[in-house]
Amino acid sequence: MTINGDVAGGVRGVPEGKAPVQAGRADSAPRASVPAASVAVPRSDGVEVSQEGRALARSAALTPERIDEVRQRILQGAYDQANVIDAVARRILLSGDL
């Protein structure tokens, strides 16, 4: 967008041949364009799980029996108490998943 004129005719207060002031958002400034294919990004991230972590994951696995037990408790309303809801909400907040 030019203000009060165009580049060819000049802008009031701007000498002939100078670019007029452009209005726009701060993040719309021209940026250097580099094709994505020409930039090589090294990939060095990785995860290593310890033996203790693997053992803990195996012991915490949900068995079909445990799933049935939890399902029955839900159906019986065991988790519909204010203190249980509060405890679950606190654990979710402390876990950082939210």
Protein backbone atom coordinates (compact mmCIF):
# COMPACT_ATOMS: atom_id res chain seq x y z
CA MET A 1 0.00 0.00 0.00
CA THR A 2 1.40 3.39 -0.89
CA ILE A 3 0.42 6.59 0.82
CA ASN A 4 -0.78 9.62 -1.26
CA GLY A 5 0.55 8.53 -4.61
CA ASP A 6 2.53 5.90 -6.41
CA VAL A 7 6.21 5.29 -7.06
CA ALA A 8 6.14 6.53 -10.64
CA GLY A 9 4.52 9.87 -9.83
CA GLY A 10 6.36 10.44 -6.58
CA VAL A 11 4.85 10.80 -3.15
CA ARG A 12 4.24 14.09 -1.41
CA GLY A 13 7.23 14.68 0.88
CA VAL A 14 9.27 11.83 -0.62
CA PRO A 15 11.87 12.67 -3.26
CA GLU A 16 11.29 11.22 -6.75
CA GLY A 17 12.80 7.74 -7.07
CA LYS A 18 12.61 6.93 -3.36
CA ALA A 19 10.31 4.12 -2.26
CA PRO A 20 7.14 5.22 -0.48
CA VAL A 21 6.42 4.14 3.08
CA GLN A 22 4.59 0.82 3.18
CA ALA A 23 1.99 0.07 5.84
CA GLY A 24 1.55 -3.44 7.16
CA ARG A 25 2.11 -5.82 10.01
CA ALA A 26 5.53 -6.06 11.61
CA ASP A 27 5.80 -9.72 10.64
CA SER A 28 5.20 -9.01 6.96
CA ALA A 29 8.71 -7.67 6.36
CA PRO A 30 10.46 -9.23 3.36
CA ARG A 31 12.45 -12.31 4.26
CA ALA A 32 15.22 -14.10 2.47
CA SER A 33 13.85 -17.07 0.59
CA VAL A 34 15.85 -20.29 0.71
CA PRO A 35 14.48 -23.39 -0.96
CA ALA A 36 13.85 -26.10 1.63
CA ALA A 37 15.64 -28.73 -0.45
CA SER A 38 18.91 -26.76 -0.37
CA VAL A 39 19.13 -26.65 3.45
CA ALA A 40 20.61 -29.74 5.10
CA VAL A 41 19.47 -30.23 8.69
CA PRO A 42 21.43 -32.77 10.70
CA ARG A 43 19.22 -35.17 12.66
CA SER A 44 20.82 -36.09 15.97
CA ASP A 45 17.92 -36.41 18.44
CA GLY A 46 17.29 -39.74 20.05
CA VAL A 47 15.83 -41.48 23.08
CA GLU A 48 17.35 -44.25 25.12
CA VAL A 49 15.19 -46.08 27.70
CA SER A 50 17.01 -47.67 30.62
CA GLN A 51 16.48 -51.28 31.69
CA GLU A 52 14.77 -49.98 34.85
CA GLY A 53 12.39 -47.93 32.75
CA ARG A 54 11.55 -50.92 30.59
CA ALA A 55 10.88 -53.07 33.66
CA LEU A 56 8.64 -50.39 35.11
CA ALA A 57 6.70 -50.14 31.86
CA ARG A 58 6.16 -53.92 31.82
CA SER A 59 4.93 -53.96 35.42
CA ALA A 60 2.56 -51.03 34.83
CA ALA A 61 0.94 -52.59 31.75
CA LEU A 62 -2.82 -52.78 31.83
CA THR A 63 -3.99 -56.36 31.87
CA PRO A 64 -7.48 -57.31 30.70
CA GLU A 65 -8.31 -58.11 34.34
CA ARG A 66 -7.24 -54.64 35.53
CA ILE A 67 -9.24 -52.99 32.73
CA ASP A 68 -12.35 -54.95 33.78
CA GLU A 69 -11.83 -53.95 37.41
CA VAL A 70 -11.56 -50.25 36.53
CA ARG A 71 -14.57 -50.49 34.20
CA GLN A 72 -16.68 -51.99 37.03
CA ARG A 73 -15.60 -49.25 39.45
CA ILE A 74 -16.58 -46.58 36.91
CA LEU A 75 -19.99 -48.20 36.36
CA GLN A 76 -20.55 -48.43 40.14
CA GLY A 77 -19.81 -44.69 40.56
CA ALA A 78 -16.62 -45.10 42.57
CA TYR A 79 -15.03 -42.14 40.78
CA ASP A 80 -18.07 -39.83 41.08
CA GLN A 81 -16.98 -38.44 44.44
CA ALA A 82 -15.62 -34.94 44.92
CA ASN A 83 -12.43 -36.10 46.65
CA VAL A 84 -11.65 -38.57 43.84
CA ILE A 85 -12.32 -35.98 41.12
CA ASP A 86 -10.09 -33.49 43.00
CA ALA A 87 -7.26 -36.03 43.31
CA VAL A 88 -7.44 -36.91 39.60
CA ALA A 89 -7.47 -33.24 38.60
CA ARG A 90 -4.43 -32.53 40.80
CA ARG A 91 -2.50 -35.46 39.32
CA ILE A 92 -3.26 -34.30 35.79
CA LEU A 93 -2.03 -30.79 36.60
CA LEU A 94 1.13 -32.09 38.31
CA SER A 95 1.89 -34.44 35.41
CA GLY A 96 2.35 -31.52 33.04
CA ASP A 97 0.08 -33.09 30.42
CA LEU A 98 -2.26 -30.14 30.55
